[in-house]
Amino acid sequence: WIGYKQTHSSQMEITKSSLYEGLLRILMISKAYSTSES
């Protein structure tokens, strides 16, 4: 994720916010497999 952000953005600084964006991508994929209960 860090390499992706650095090569697809003019902002090279690694911030916690940018890493949480990566975490949200993982969560988005995980949520696609969620059940009605979860």
All heavy atoms as atom14 arrays in JSON, in Angstrom:
{
  "sequence": "WIGYKQTHSSQMEITKSSLYEGLLRILMISKAYSTSES",
  "atom14_mask": [
    [1, 1, 1, 1, 1, 1, 1, 1, 1, 1, 1, 1, 1, 1],
    [1, 1, 1, 1, 1, 1, 1, 1, 0, 0, 0, 0, 0, 0],
    [1, 1, 1, 1, 0, 0, 0, 0, 0, 0, 0, 0, 0, 0],
    [1, 1, 1, 1, 1, 1, 1, 1, 1, 1, 1, 1, 0, 0],
    [1, 1, 1, 1, 1, 1, 1, 1, 1, 0, 0, 0, 0, 0],
    [1, 1, 1, 1, 1, 1, 1, 1, 1, 0, 0, 0, 0, 0],
    [1, 1, 1, 1, 1, 1, 1, 0, 0, 0, 0, 0, 0, 0],
    [1, 1, 1, 1, 1, 1, 1, 1, 1, 1, 0, 0, 0, 0],
    [1, 1, 1, 1, 1, 1, 0, 0, 0, 0, 0, 0, 0, 0],
    [1, 1, 1, 1, 1, 1, 0, 0, 0, 0, 0, 0, 0, 0],
    [1, 1, 1, 1, 1, 1, 1, 1, 1, 0, 0, 0, 0, 0],
    [1, 1, 1, 1, 1, 1, 1, 1, 0, 0, 0, 0, 0, 0],
    [1, 1, 1, 1, 1, 1, 1, 1, 1, 0, 0, 0, 0, 0],
    [1, 1, 1, 1, 1, 1, 1, 1, 0, 0, 0, 0, 0, 0],
    [1, 1, 1, 1, 1, 1, 1, 0, 0, 0, 0, 0, 0, 0],
    [1, 1, 1, 1, 1, 1, 1, 1, 1, 0, 0, 0, 0, 0],
    [1, 1, 1, 1, 1, 1, 0, 0, 0, 0, 0, 0, 0, 0],
    [1, 1, 1, 1, 1, 1, 0, 0, 0, 0, 0, 0, 0, 0],
    [1, 1, 1, 1, 1, 1, 1, 1, 0, 0, 0, 0, 0, 0],
    [1, 1, 1, 1, 1, 1, 1, 1, 1, 1, 1, 1, 0, 0],
    [1, 1, 1, 1, 1, 1, 1, 1, 1, 0, 0, 0, 0, 0],
    [1, 1, 1, 1, 0, 0, 0, 0, 0, 0, 0, 0, 0, 0],
    [1, 1, 1, 1, 1, 1, 1, 1, 0, 0, 0, 0, 0, 0],
    [1, 1, 1, 1, 1, 1, 1, 1, 0, 0, 0, 0, 0, 0],
    [1, 1, 1, 1, 1, 1, 1, 1, 1, 1, 1, 0, 0, 0],
    [1, 1, 1, 1, 1, 1, 1, 1, 0, 0, 0, 0, 0, 0],
    [1, 1, 1, 1, 1, 1, 1, 1, 0, 0, 0, 0, 0, 0],
    [1, 1, 1, 1, 1, 1, 1, 1, 0, 0, 0, 0, 0, 0],
    [1, 1, 1, 1, 1, 1, 1, 1, 0, 0, 0, 0, 0, 0],
    [1, 1, 1, 1, 1, 1, 0, 0, 0, 0, 0, 0, 0, 0],
    [1, 1, 1, 1, 1, 1, 1, 1, 1, 0, 0, 0, 0, 0],
    [1, 1, 1, 1, 1, 0, 0, 0, 0, 0, 0, 0, 0, 0],
    [1, 1, 1, 1, 1, 1, 1, 1, 1, 1, 1, 1, 0, 0],
    [1, 1, 1, 1, 1, 1, 0, 0, 0, 0, 0, 0, 0, 0],
    [1, 1, 1, 1, 1, 1, 1, 0, 0, 0, 0, 0, 0, 0],
    [1, 1, 1, 1, 1, 1, 0, 0, 0, 0, 0, 0, 0, 0],
    [1, 1, 1, 1, 1, 1, 1, 1, 1, 0, 0, 0, 0, 0],
    [1, 1, 1, 1, 1, 1, 0, 0, 0, 0, 0, 0, 0, 0]
  ],
  "atom14_positions": [
    [[0.81, -1.2, 0.0], [0.0, 0.0, 0.0], [0.86, 1.26, 0.0], [0.56, 2.23, -0.73], [-0.95, 0.01, 1.21], [-1.79, 1.25, 1.27], [-1.64, 2.32, 2.1], [-2.91, 1.56, 0.43], [-2.59, 3.27, 1.85], [-3.39, 2.82, 0.83], [-3.56, 0.88, -0.6], [-4.49, 3.42, 0.22], [-4.65, 1.48, -1.21], [-5.11, 2.74, -0.8]],
    [[1.9, 1.28, 0.8], [2.75, 2.47, 0.87], [3.39, 2.76, -0.49], [3.39, 3.9, -0.96], [3.83, 2.31, 1.95], [3.19, 2.4, 3.34], [4.94, 3.36, 1.81], [4.13, 2.14, 4.49], [0.0, 0.0, 0.0], [0.0, 0.0, 0.0], [0.0, 0.0, 0.0], [0.0, 0.0, 0.0], [0.0, 0.0, 0.0], [0.0, 0.0, 0.0]],
    [[3.93, 1.74, -1.13], [4.51, 1.92, -2.45], [3.49, 2.42, -3.46], [3.79, 3.27, -4.31], [0.0, 0.0, 0.0], [0.0, 0.0, 0.0], [0.0, 0.0, 0.0], [0.0, 0.0, 0.0], [0.0, 0.0, 0.0], [0.0, 0.0, 0.0], [0.0, 0.0, 0.0], [0.0, 0.0, 0.0], [0.0, 0.0, 0.0], [0.0, 0.0, 0.0]],
    [[2.27, 1.89, -3.37], [1.2, 2.33, -4.26], [0.9, 3.81, -4.07], [0.81, 4.57, -5.04], [-0.06, 1.5, -4.0], [-1.3, 2.04, -4.69], [-1.5, 1.83, -6.06], [-2.24, 2.78, -3.98], [-2.61, 2.35, -6.7], [-3.35, 3.3, -4.61], [-3.54, 3.09, -5.97], [-4.64, 3.6, -6.6], [0.0, 0.0, 0.0], [0.0, 0.0, 0.0]],
    [[0.76, 4.24, -2.81], [0.45, 5.64, -2.54], [1.57, 6.57, -3.0], [1.32, 7.65, -3.53], [0.2, 5.85, -1.03], [-1.08, 5.22, -0.52], [-2.32, 5.87, -1.11], [-2.56, 7.26, -0.55], [-3.83, 7.85, -1.05], [0.0, 0.0, 0.0], [0.0, 0.0, 0.0], [0.0, 0.0, 0.0], [0.0, 0.0, 0.0], [0.0, 0.0, 0.0]],
    [[2.8, 6.12, -2.83], [3.94, 6.97, -3.21], [4.08, 7.11, -4.72], [4.6, 8.11, -5.2], [5.23, 6.41, -2.61], [5.31, 6.6, -1.1], [6.62, 6.1, -0.52], [7.15, 5.09, -0.96], [7.13, 6.8, 0.47], [0.0, 0.0, 0.0], [0.0, 0.0, 0.0], [0.0, 0.0, 0.0], [0.0, 0.0, 0.0], [0.0, 0.0, 0.0]],
    [[3.64, 6.11, -5.46], [3.77, 6.17, -6.92], [2.51, 6.67, -7.62], [2.53, 6.9, -8.82], [4.14, 4.79, -7.49], [3.17, 3.82, -7.04], [5.52, 4.36, -7.05], [0.0, 0.0, 0.0], [0.0, 0.0, 0.0], [0.0, 0.0, 0.0], [0.0, 0.0, 0.0], [0.0, 0.0, 0.0], [0.0, 0.0, 0.0], [0.0, 0.0, 0.0]],
    [[1.42, 6.85, -6.87], [0.16, 7.3, -7.47], [-0.35, 8.57, -6.8], [-1.55, 8.85, -6.84], [-0.9, 6.2, -7.4], [-0.6, 5.03, -8.27], [0.31, 4.06, -7.93], [-1.09, 4.67, -9.5], [0.38, 3.15, -8.91], [-0.46, 3.51, -9.86], [0.0, 0.0, 0.0], [0.0, 0.0, 0.0], [0.0, 0.0, 0.0], [0.0, 0.0, 0.0]],
    [[0.55, 9.32, -6.2], [0.16, 10.55, -5.53], [1.33, 11.52, -5.56], [2.49, 11.11, -5.57], [-0.25, 10.26, -4.08], [-0.45, 11.45, -3.36], [0.0, 0.0, 0.0], [0.0, 0.0, 0.0], [0.0, 0.0, 0.0], [0.0, 0.0, 0.0], [0.0, 0.0, 0.0], [0.0, 0.0, 0.0], [0.0, 0.0, 0.0], [0.0, 0.0, 0.0]],
    [[1.02, 12.8, -5.57], [2.08, 13.82, -5.51], [2.6, 13.97, -4.09], [3.65, 14.56, -3.86], [1.54, 15.16, -6.01], [0.42, 15.58, -5.22], [0.0, 0.0, 0.0], [0.0, 0.0, 0.0], [0.0, 0.0, 0.0], [0.0, 0.0, 0.0], [0.0, 0.0, 0.0], [0.0, 0.0, 0.0], [0.0, 0.0, 0.0], [0.0, 0.0, 0.0]],
    [[1.86, 13.41, -3.12], [2.25, 13.49, -1.71], [3.08, 12.26, -1.35], [2.57, 11.15, -1.28], [1.01, 13.55, -0.82], [1.3, 13.56, 0.67], [2.05, 14.8, 1.11], [1.86, 15.88, 0.55], [2.91, 14.67, 2.09], [0.0, 0.0, 0.0], [0.0, 0.0, 0.0], [0.0, 0.0, 0.0], [0.0, 0.0, 0.0], [0.0, 0.0, 0.0]],
    [[4.38, 12.47, -1.12], [5.27, 11.35, -0.83], [5.35, 11.02, 0.66], [5.8, 9.94, 1.03], [6.68, 11.66, -1.34], [6.77, 11.76, -2.86], [6.37, 10.21, -3.68], [7.79, 9.22, -3.22], [0.0, 0.0, 0.0], [0.0, 0.0, 0.0], [0.0, 0.0, 0.0], [0.0, 0.0, 0.0], [0.0, 0.0, 0.0], [0.0, 0.0, 0.0]],
    [[4.92, 11.94, 1.5], [5.0, 11.7, 2.94], [4.05, 10.59, 3.36], [2.89, 10.53, 2.92], [4.65, 12.98, 3.71], [4.78, 12.82, 5.22], [4.33, 14.07, 5.96], [3.89, 15.04, 5.31], [4.42, 14.06, 7.2], [0.0, 0.0, 0.0], [0.0, 0.0, 0.0], [0.0, 0.0, 0.0], [0.0, 0.0, 0.0], [0.0, 0.0, 0.0]],
    [[4.55, 9.71, 4.21], [3.73, 8.62, 4.73], [3.07, 9.11, 6.01], [3.75, 9.46, 6.98], [4.58, 7.37, 5.03], [5.33, 6.92, 3.77], [3.7, 6.24, 5.56], [6.41, 5.89, 4.05], [0.0, 0.0, 0.0], [0.0, 0.0, 0.0], [0.0, 0.0, 0.0], [0.0, 0.0, 0.0], [0.0, 0.0, 0.0], [0.0, 0.0, 0.0]],
    [[1.75, 9.18, 6.01], [1.01, 9.64, 7.19], [0.13, 8.51, 7.72], [-0.18, 7.56, 7.01], [0.12, 10.84, 6.85], [-0.9, 10.43, 5.92], [0.95, 11.98, 6.24], [0.0, 0.0, 0.0], [0.0, 0.0, 0.0], [0.0, 0.0, 0.0], [0.0, 0.0, 0.0], [0.0, 0.0, 0.0], [0.0, 0.0, 0.0], [0.0, 0.0, 0.0]],
    [[-0.27, 8.66, 8.96], [-1.19, 7.67, 9.53], [-2.51, 7.65, 8.76], [-3.09, 6.58, 8.53], [-1.45, 7.98, 11.01], [-0.27, 7.67, 11.92], [-0.62, 7.87, 13.39], [0.54, 7.45, 14.28], [0.23, 7.62, 15.72], [0.0, 0.0, 0.0], [0.0, 0.0, 0.0], [0.0, 0.0, 0.0], [0.0, 0.0, 0.0], [0.0, 0.0, 0.0]],
    [[-2.96, 8.83, 8.32], [-4.21, 8.89, 7.57], [-4.12, 8.09, 6.28], [-5.06, 7.37, 5.92], [-4.55, 10.35, 7.24], [-4.89, 11.06, 8.41], [0.0, 0.0, 0.0], [0.0, 0.0, 0.0], [0.0, 0.0, 0.0], [0.0, 0.0, 0.0], [0.0, 0.0, 0.0], [0.0, 0.0, 0.0], [0.0, 0.0, 0.0], [0.0, 0.0, 0.0]],
    [[-2.99, 8.19, 5.59], [-2.84, 7.46, 4.33], [-2.79, 5.95, 4.58], [-3.27, 5.16, 3.75], [-1.58, 7.91, 3.58], [-0.4, 7.56, 4.28], [0.0, 0.0, 0.0], [0.0, 0.0, 0.0], [0.0, 0.0, 0.0], [0.0, 0.0, 0.0], [0.0, 0.0, 0.0], [0.0, 0.0, 0.0], [0.0, 0.0, 0.0], [0.0, 0.0, 0.0]],
    [[-2.26, 5.54, 5.72], [-2.22, 4.11, 6.03], [-3.6, 3.61, 6.44], [-3.96, 2.46, 6.14], [-1.2, 3.83, 7.13], [0.26, 4.15, 6.78], [1.19, 3.55, 7.82], [0.63, 3.63, 5.4], [0.0, 0.0, 0.0], [0.0, 0.0, 0.0], [0.0, 0.0, 0.0], [0.0, 0.0, 0.0], [0.0, 0.0, 0.0], [0.0, 0.0, 0.0]],
    [[-4.36, 4.45, 7.12], [-5.74, 4.05, 7.45], [-6.57, 3.88, 6.17], [-7.49, 3.07, 6.14], [-6.39, 5.06, 8.38], [-6.03, 4.85, 9.84], [-5.44, 5.86, 10.58], [-6.28, 3.63, 10.47], [-5.12, 5.66, 11.92], [-5.95, 3.43, 11.8], [-5.37, 4.45, 12.52], [-5.03, 4.24, 13.83], [0.0, 0.0, 0.0], [0.0, 0.0, 0.0]],
    [[-6.24, 4.63, 5.13], [-6.92, 4.43, 3.85], [-6.69, 3.01, 3.34], [-7.6, 2.37, 2.82], [-6.41, 5.44, 2.82], [-6.84, 6.87, 3.06], [-6.2, 7.81, 2.07], [-5.78, 7.35, 0.99], [-6.11, 9.02, 2.36], [0.0, 0.0, 0.0], [0.0, 0.0, 0.0], [0.0, 0.0, 0.0], [0.0, 0.0, 0.0], [0.0, 0.0, 0.0]],
    [[-5.46, 2.52, 3.48], [-5.15, 1.15, 3.09], [-5.92, 0.15, 3.92], [-6.43, -0.85, 3.41], [0.0, 0.0, 0.0], [0.0, 0.0, 0.0], [0.0, 0.0, 0.0], [0.0, 0.0, 0.0], [0.0, 0.0, 0.0], [0.0, 0.0, 0.0], [0.0, 0.0, 0.0], [0.0, 0.0, 0.0], [0.0, 0.0, 0.0], [0.0, 0.0, 0.0]],
    [[-6.01, 0.43, 5.21], [-6.75, -0.45, 6.1], [-8.23, -0.49, 5.71], [-8.86, -1.55, 5.76], [-6.6, 0.05, 7.54], [-6.68, -1.01, 8.64], [-5.55, -2.01, 8.53], [-6.65, -0.34, 10.01], [0.0, 0.0, 0.0], [0.0, 0.0, 0.0], [0.0, 0.0, 0.0], [0.0, 0.0, 0.0], [0.0, 0.0, 0.0], [0.0, 0.0, 0.0]],
    [[-8.76, 0.64, 5.27], [-10.16, 0.69, 4.84], [-10.38, -0.12, 3.56], [-11.46, -0.67, 3.36], [-10.58, 2.15, 4.63], [-10.89, 2.91, 5.93], [-10.92, 4.41, 5.68], [-12.22, 2.45, 6.51], [0.0, 0.0, 0.0], [0.0, 0.0, 0.0], [0.0, 0.0, 0.0], [0.0, 0.0, 0.0], [0.0, 0.0, 0.0], [0.0, 0.0, 0.0]],
    [[-9.35, -0.22, 2.73], [-9.48, -1.07, 1.52], [-9.58, -2.54, 1.93], [-10.37, -3.3, 1.36], [-8.28, -0.86, 0.58], [-8.1, 0.51, 0.04], [-9.31, 1.01, -0.75], [-9.0, 2.21, -1.49], [-8.97, 3.43, -0.99], [-9.22, 3.62, 0.3], [-8.7, 4.49, -1.73], [0.0, 0.0, 0.0], [0.0, 0.0, 0.0], [0.0, 0.0, 0.0]],
    [[-8.78, -2.92, 2.92], [-8.84, -4.29, 3.42], [-10.21, -4.55, 4.04], [-10.82, -5.61, 3.83], [-7.73, -4.55, 4.46], [-6.36, -4.42, 3.8], [-7.88, -5.93, 5.09], [-5.2, -4.44, 4.78], [0.0, 0.0, 0.0], [0.0, 0.0, 0.0], [0.0, 0.0, 0.0], [0.0, 0.0, 0.0], [0.0, 0.0, 0.0], [0.0, 0.0, 0.0]],
    [[-10.7, -3.58, 4.77], [-12.01, -3.71, 5.4], [-13.12, -3.8, 4.36], [-14.08, -4.56, 4.51], [-12.24, -2.53, 6.34], [-13.5, -2.54, 7.21], [-13.62, -3.86, 7.98], [-13.46, -1.38, 8.19], [0.0, 0.0, 0.0], [0.0, 0.0, 0.0], [0.0, 0.0, 0.0], [0.0, 0.0, 0.0], [0.0, 0.0, 0.0], [0.0, 0.0, 0.0]],
    [[-12.99, -3.04, 3.28], [-13.97, -3.07, 2.21], [-14.06, -4.47, 1.59], [-15.16, -5.0, 1.34], [-13.61, -2.05, 1.12], [-14.56, -2.01, -0.07], [-14.03, -0.83, -1.34], [-12.57, -1.67, -1.97], [0.0, 0.0, 0.0], [0.0, 0.0, 0.0], [0.0, 0.0, 0.0], [0.0, 0.0, 0.0], [0.0, 0.0, 0.0], [0.0, 0.0, 0.0]],
    [[-12.89, -5.06, 1.35], [-12.86, -6.41, 0.8], [-13.46, -7.4, 1.79], [-14.26, -8.27, 1.42], [-11.42, -6.81, 0.45], [-10.9, -5.94, -0.7], [-11.33, -8.28, 0.07], [-9.42, -6.09, -0.94], [0.0, 0.0, 0.0], [0.0, 0.0, 0.0], [0.0, 0.0, 0.0], [0.0, 0.0, 0.0], [0.0, 0.0, 0.0], [0.0, 0.0, 0.0]],
    [[-13.09, -7.27, 3.06], [-13.59, -8.18, 4.09], [-15.1, -8.06, 4.23], [-15.81, -9.06, 4.4], [-12.92, -7.89, 5.43], [-11.51, -7.97, 5.32], [0.0, 0.0, 0.0], [0.0, 0.0, 0.0], [0.0, 0.0, 0.0], [0.0, 0.0, 0.0], [0.0, 0.0, 0.0], [0.0, 0.0, 0.0], [0.0, 0.0, 0.0], [0.0, 0.0, 0.0]],
    [[-15.61, -6.82, 4.18], [-17.04, -6.59, 4.35], [-17.86, -7.25, 3.23], [-19.01, -7.62, 3.45], [-17.32, -5.09, 4.39], [-18.76, -4.74, 4.77], [-18.95, -3.24, 4.95], [-18.87, -2.51, 3.63], [-19.23, -1.08, 3.76], [0.0, 0.0, 0.0], [0.0, 0.0, 0.0], [0.0, 0.0, 0.0], [0.0, 0.0, 0.0], [0.0, 0.0, 0.0]],
    [[-17.24, -7.39, 2.08], [-17.94, -8.04, 0.96], [-18.29, -9.49, 1.28], [-19.2, -10.06, 0.67], [-17.08, -7.96, -0.3], [0.0, 0.0, 0.0], [0.0, 0.0, 0.0], [0.0, 0.0, 0.0], [0.0, 0.0, 0.0], [0.0, 0.0, 0.0], [0.0, 0.0, 0.0], [0.0, 0.0, 0.0], [0.0, 0.0, 0.0], [0.0, 0.0, 0.0]],
    [[-17.58, -10.09, 2.24], [-17.84, -11.48, 2.63], [-18.64, -11.56, 3.93], [-18.84, -12.66, 4.45], [-16.51, -12.22, 2.81], [-15.75, -12.42, 1.52], [-14.74, -11.53, 1.14], [-16.04, -13.49, 0.68], [-14.04, -11.71, -0.03], [-15.35, -13.67, -0.51], [-14.35, -12.77, -0.86], [-13.66, -12.96, -2.04], [0.0, 0.0, 0.0], [0.0, 0.0, 0.0]],
    [[-19.1, -10.42, 4.44], [-19.83, -10.44, 5.71], [-21.17, -11.15, 5.55], [-21.76, -11.2, 4.46], [-20.06, -9.01, 6.22], [-20.87, -8.28, 5.31], [0.0, 0.0, 0.0], [0.0, 0.0, 0.0], [0.0, 0.0, 0.0], [0.0, 0.0, 0.0], [0.0, 0.0, 0.0], [0.0, 0.0, 0.0], [0.0, 0.0, 0.0], [0.0, 0.0, 0.0]],
    [[-21.66, -11.7, 6.63], [-22.96, -12.35, 6.65], [-24.02, -11.35, 7.11], [-23.69, -10.25, 7.57], [-22.96, -13.56, 7.61], [-22.7, -13.07, 8.95], [-21.88, -14.56, 7.22], [0.0, 0.0, 0.0], [0.0, 0.0, 0.0], [0.0, 0.0, 0.0], [0.0, 0.0, 0.0], [0.0, 0.0, 0.0], [0.0, 0.0, 0.0], [0.0, 0.0, 0.0]],
    [[-25.28, -11.72, 7.0], [-26.34, -10.81, 7.45], [-26.21, -10.51, 8.93], [-26.53, -9.4, 9.39], [-27.71, -11.43, 7.14], [-27.85, -12.71, 7.76], [0.0, 0.0, 0.0], [0.0, 0.0, 0.0], [0.0, 0.0, 0.0], [0.0, 0.0, 0.0], [0.0, 0.0, 0.0], [0.0, 0.0, 0.0], [0.0, 0.0, 0.0], [0.0, 0.0, 0.0]],
    [[-25.72, -11.48, 9.71], [-25.56, -11.28, 11.15], [-24.39, -10.35, 11.48], [-24.4, -9.67, 12.51], [-25.34, -12.62, 11.85], [-26.55, -13.55, 11.84], [-26.72, -14.29, 10.52], [-25.79, -14.21, 9.66], [-27.76, -14.93, 10.33], [0.0, 0.0, 0.0], [0.0, 0.0, 0.0], [0.0, 0.0, 0.0], [0.0, 0.0, 0.0], [0.0, 0.0, 0.0]],
    [[-23.35, -10.35, 10.64], [-22.15, -9.58, 10.96], [-22.06, -8.26, 10.19], [-21.14, -7.47, 10.42], [-20.9, -10.41, 10.65], [-20.78, -10.63, 9.26], [0.0, 0.0, 0.0], [0.0, 0.0, 0.0], [0.0, 0.0, 0.0], [0.0, 0.0, 0.0], [0.0, 0.0, 0.0], [0.0, 0.0, 0.0], [0.0, 0.0, 0.0], [0.0, 0.0, 0.0]]
  ]
}
